[in-house]
Amino acid sequence: MAAKLGITSPETLRKWLRQAEIDQGVRPGVTSQESAELKRLKRENAALRRANEILKAASAFFAAELDRPGRY
């Protein structure tokens, strides 16, 4: 069947079939929608962590500037 569909690997077809069964609720596992949402949340979490680190560094920098004696 894989060859008739132009798929080079029969295993690819098996994986697609298993995922389709999971998505339909026939087989237990993580659905495609859940997997996509998890990936999105992981990317968002990583971006928020980076932003948090930048803000921490900036606040430390500005706090150090405030502690320095005036240059007037």
N, C-alpha and C. Protein backbone atom coordinates (compact mmCIF):
# COMPACT_ATOMS: atom_id res chain seq x y z
N MET A 1 0.82 -1.19 0.00
CA MET A 1 0.00 0.00 0.00
C MET A 1 0.87 1.26 0.00
N ALA A 2 1.97 1.26 0.78
CA ALA A 2 2.85 2.43 0.84
C ALA A 2 3.40 2.77 -0.54
N ALA A 3 3.81 1.75 -1.29
CA ALA A 3 4.36 1.98 -2.63
C ALA A 3 3.31 2.57 -3.55
N LYS A 4 2.07 2.12 -3.44
CA LYS A 4 1.00 2.65 -4.28
C LYS A 4 0.72 4.13 -3.97
N LEU A 5 0.99 4.53 -2.74
CA LEU A 5 0.78 5.92 -2.35
C LEU A 5 2.02 6.78 -2.59
N GLY A 6 3.10 6.15 -3.05
CA GLY A 6 4.33 6.87 -3.32
C GLY A 6 5.15 7.15 -2.07
N ILE A 7 4.90 6.37 -1.02
CA ILE A 7 5.64 6.52 0.24
C ILE A 7 6.80 5.53 0.21
N THR A 8 8.00 6.05 0.45
CA THR A 8 9.18 5.19 0.31
C THR A 8 9.33 4.19 1.44
N SER A 9 8.79 4.50 2.61
CA SER A 9 8.96 3.60 3.76
C SER A 9 7.61 3.12 4.27
N PRO A 10 7.42 1.82 4.34
CA PRO A 10 6.17 1.30 4.90
C PRO A 10 5.98 1.71 6.37
N GLU A 11 7.09 1.92 7.07
CA GLU A 11 7.01 2.32 8.48
C GLU A 11 6.35 3.69 8.61
N THR A 12 6.58 4.57 7.65
CA THR A 12 5.94 5.88 7.67
C THR A 12 4.43 5.74 7.63
N LEU A 13 3.95 4.86 6.78
CA LEU A 13 2.51 4.62 6.67
C LEU A 13 1.97 4.06 7.98
N ARG A 14 2.72 3.13 8.60
CA ARG A 14 2.30 2.56 9.88
C ARG A 14 2.20 3.65 10.95
N LYS A 15 3.19 4.55 10.99
CA LYS A 15 3.17 5.64 11.98
C LYS A 15 1.97 6.55 11.76
N TRP A 16 1.69 6.88 10.51
CA TRP A 16 0.53 7.72 10.20
C TRP A 16 -0.76 7.05 10.65
N LEU A 17 -0.86 5.75 10.41
CA LEU A 17 -2.05 5.00 10.79
C LEU A 17 -2.21 4.99 12.31
N ARG A 18 -1.10 4.72 13.04
CA ARG A 18 -1.16 4.73 14.50
C ARG A 18 -1.58 6.10 15.03
N GLN A 19 -1.01 7.16 14.46
CA GLN A 19 -1.35 8.51 14.91
C GLN A 19 -2.81 8.82 14.61
N ALA A 20 -3.30 8.39 13.47
CA ALA A 20 -4.71 8.60 13.13
C ALA A 20 -5.61 7.88 14.13
N GLU A 21 -5.22 6.68 14.54
CA GLU A 21 -6.00 5.93 15.53
C GLU A 21 -5.98 6.63 16.88
N ILE A 22 -4.83 7.20 17.25
CA ILE A 22 -4.73 7.96 18.50
C ILE A 22 -5.62 9.19 18.43
N ASP A 23 -5.55 9.91 17.31
CA ASP A 23 -6.35 11.12 17.13
C ASP A 23 -7.85 10.83 17.18
N GLN A 24 -8.25 9.65 16.72
CA GLN A 24 -9.66 9.27 16.72
C GLN A 24 -10.11 8.69 18.05
N GLY A 25 -9.16 8.45 18.97
CA GLY A 25 -9.49 7.91 20.27
C GLY A 25 -9.56 6.39 20.31
N VAL A 26 -9.16 5.75 19.24
CA VAL A 26 -9.19 4.28 19.17
C VAL A 26 -8.02 3.68 19.94
N ARG A 27 -6.90 4.38 19.93
CA ARG A 27 -5.67 3.90 20.55
C ARG A 27 -5.23 4.96 21.58
N PRO A 28 -4.70 4.51 22.73
CA PRO A 28 -4.23 5.50 23.71
C PRO A 28 -2.95 6.19 23.24
N GLY A 29 -2.77 7.41 23.68
CA GLY A 29 -1.56 8.15 23.34
C GLY A 29 -1.84 9.64 23.24
N VAL A 30 -0.83 10.39 22.87
CA VAL A 30 -0.93 11.84 22.76
C VAL A 30 -1.41 12.19 21.36
N THR A 31 -2.51 12.93 21.29
CA THR A 31 -3.07 13.30 19.99
C THR A 31 -2.18 14.34 19.31
N SER A 32 -2.38 14.49 18.02
CA SER A 32 -1.63 15.49 17.26
C SER A 32 -1.89 16.88 17.80
N GLN A 33 -3.12 17.16 18.17
CA GLN A 33 -3.48 18.47 18.70
C GLN A 33 -2.79 18.72 20.04
N GLU A 34 -2.77 17.72 20.90
CA GLU A 34 -2.09 17.85 22.19
C GLU A 34 -0.59 18.04 22.00
N SER A 35 -0.03 17.30 21.07
CA SER A 35 1.39 17.41 20.78
C SER A 35 1.75 18.81 20.27
N ALA A 36 0.94 19.34 19.39
CA ALA A 36 1.17 20.69 18.85
C ALA A 36 1.05 21.73 19.95
N GLU A 37 0.06 21.58 20.82
CA GLU A 37 -0.12 22.53 21.93
C GLU A 37 1.06 22.46 22.89
N LEU A 38 1.55 21.27 23.17
CA LEU A 38 2.71 21.10 24.05
C LEU A 38 3.94 21.76 23.46
N LYS A 39 4.17 21.60 22.16
CA LYS A 39 5.30 22.24 21.50
C LYS A 39 5.18 23.75 21.57
N ARG A 40 3.97 24.27 21.34
CA ARG A 40 3.74 25.71 21.40
C ARG A 40 4.02 26.25 22.80
N LEU A 41 3.53 25.54 23.80
CA LEU A 41 3.74 25.98 25.18
C LEU A 41 5.21 25.91 25.58
N LYS A 42 5.93 24.91 25.10
CA LYS A 42 7.36 24.83 25.39
C LYS A 42 8.12 26.00 24.76
N ARG A 43 7.77 26.35 23.52
CA ARG A 43 8.40 27.51 22.87
C ARG A 43 8.09 28.79 23.63
N GLU A 44 6.82 28.95 24.02
CA GLU A 44 6.42 30.14 24.76
C GLU A 44 7.14 30.22 26.11
N ASN A 45 7.25 29.09 26.79
CA ASN A 45 7.94 29.03 28.07
C ASN A 45 9.41 29.41 27.92
N ALA A 46 10.06 28.92 26.88
CA ALA A 46 11.46 29.25 26.64
C ALA A 46 11.62 30.74 26.37
N ALA A 47 10.71 31.32 25.58
CA ALA A 47 10.78 32.75 25.29
C ALA A 47 10.58 33.57 26.56
N LEU A 48 9.65 33.15 27.40
CA LEU A 48 9.41 33.86 28.66
C LEU A 48 10.61 33.76 29.60
N ARG A 49 11.25 32.60 29.62
CA ARG A 49 12.46 32.44 30.45
C ARG A 49 13.57 33.37 29.96
N ARG A 50 13.75 33.44 28.63
CA ARG A 50 14.77 34.35 28.09
C ARG A 50 14.45 35.80 28.44
N ALA A 51 13.20 36.19 28.30
CA ALA A 51 12.80 37.56 28.63
C ALA A 51 13.02 37.84 30.11
N ASN A 52 12.73 36.86 30.95
CA ASN A 52 12.92 37.02 32.39
C ASN A 52 14.40 37.22 32.72
N GLU A 53 15.27 36.46 32.07
CA GLU A 53 16.72 36.61 32.30
C GLU A 53 17.20 37.99 31.86
N ILE A 54 16.69 38.47 30.74
CA ILE A 54 17.05 39.81 30.26
C ILE A 54 16.61 40.86 31.26
N LEU A 55 15.39 40.72 31.76
CA LEU A 55 14.87 41.70 32.73
C LEU A 55 15.66 41.66 34.04
N LYS A 56 16.06 40.47 34.48
CA LYS A 56 16.89 40.36 35.68
C LYS A 56 18.22 41.06 35.49
N ALA A 57 18.85 40.83 34.35
CA ALA A 57 20.14 41.46 34.07
C ALA A 57 19.99 42.97 34.00
N ALA A 58 18.93 43.45 33.36
CA ALA A 58 18.71 44.89 33.24
C ALA A 58 18.46 45.50 34.61
N SER A 59 17.67 44.85 35.44
CA SER A 59 17.39 45.42 36.77
C SER A 59 18.65 45.45 37.62
N ALA A 60 19.50 44.42 37.51
CA ALA A 60 20.77 44.42 38.24
C ALA A 60 21.66 45.55 37.74
N PHE A 61 21.70 45.77 36.45
CA PHE A 61 22.51 46.84 35.88
C PHE A 61 22.05 48.20 36.39
N PHE A 62 20.74 48.46 36.32
CA PHE A 62 20.23 49.75 36.74
C PHE A 62 20.32 49.94 38.25
N ALA A 63 20.19 48.88 39.01
CA ALA A 63 20.36 48.98 40.46
C ALA A 63 21.79 49.36 40.79
N ALA A 64 22.74 48.79 40.07
CA ALA A 64 24.16 49.13 40.28
C ALA A 64 24.41 50.59 39.90
N GLU A 65 23.77 51.07 38.85
CA GLU A 65 23.93 52.47 38.44
C GLU A 65 23.40 53.41 39.53
N LEU A 66 22.32 53.06 40.17
CA LEU A 66 21.74 53.90 41.22
C LEU A 66 22.63 53.93 42.46
N ASP A 67 23.37 52.85 42.71
CA ASP A 67 24.23 52.77 43.89
C ASP A 67 25.53 53.55 43.71
N ARG A 68 25.91 53.88 42.49
CA ARG A 68 27.14 54.61 42.24
C ARG A 68 27.00 56.07 42.65
N PRO A 69 28.08 56.65 43.14
CA PRO A 69 28.01 58.07 43.48
C PRO A 69 27.84 58.92 42.21
N GLY A 70 27.20 60.07 42.35
CA GLY A 70 26.94 60.94 41.21
C GLY A 70 28.22 61.42 40.53
N ARG A 71 28.15 61.65 39.24
CA ARG A 71 29.31 62.09 38.46
C ARG A 71 29.19 63.58 38.11
N TYR A 72 28.66 64.37 38.94
CA TYR A 72 28.40 65.76 38.62
C TYR A 72 29.62 66.60 38.80
